[in-house]
Amino acid sequence: MPQKTLSAKPADVQHDWVIVDADGEILGRLATRIADALRGKGKTNFTPHVDTGDYVVVIHCDRIRVTGQKLEQKRYYRHSGYPGGLRERTLAEQLDRDSTEVVRHAVKGMLPKSKLGAAQLRKLKLYKGAEHPHEAQQPRPLA
């Protein structure tokens, strides 16, 4: 009896909603769990070229932790495109300005650099506090 490898079809994929509490979580370890859920790596029907992942709601993004001296030593860079247009911020400055972007940046680096990765990143919903507008979807806690 030959066995066949099943490949998920986009129409057959069920996207669930999960919620993650980032309170006291280490940034990199949290981002890894979120990226795996967005990609659908824990599902039995995971297919690399199909979006099999879930919607992920992250609350308490302002309460993440980092180890070592990263608050002062880790830097975020961006460039305006003009000469001398390089701007940088430390992790502490970025957390004060918008802590959700810190989590988004960490997760984005762990997703594919393609249209599929962009679609998976759009399923990430980040909030600073405990309140979020996705109660109707009844998100379950991420295991």
Foldseek 3Di string as FASTA:
>chain_A
DDDDDDADDQVPADAAEAEEEQAAAELLVVLVLLLCQLQVVVDPNRDNVYRNHYQYEYEQLLRHDHDDPQQAPPKDWDAPPDVVRIDIDGNVVCSVVPSQVVSLVSNLVVADPDPSSVVSSVSYHYYNHPDDPCVVSVHHHRD
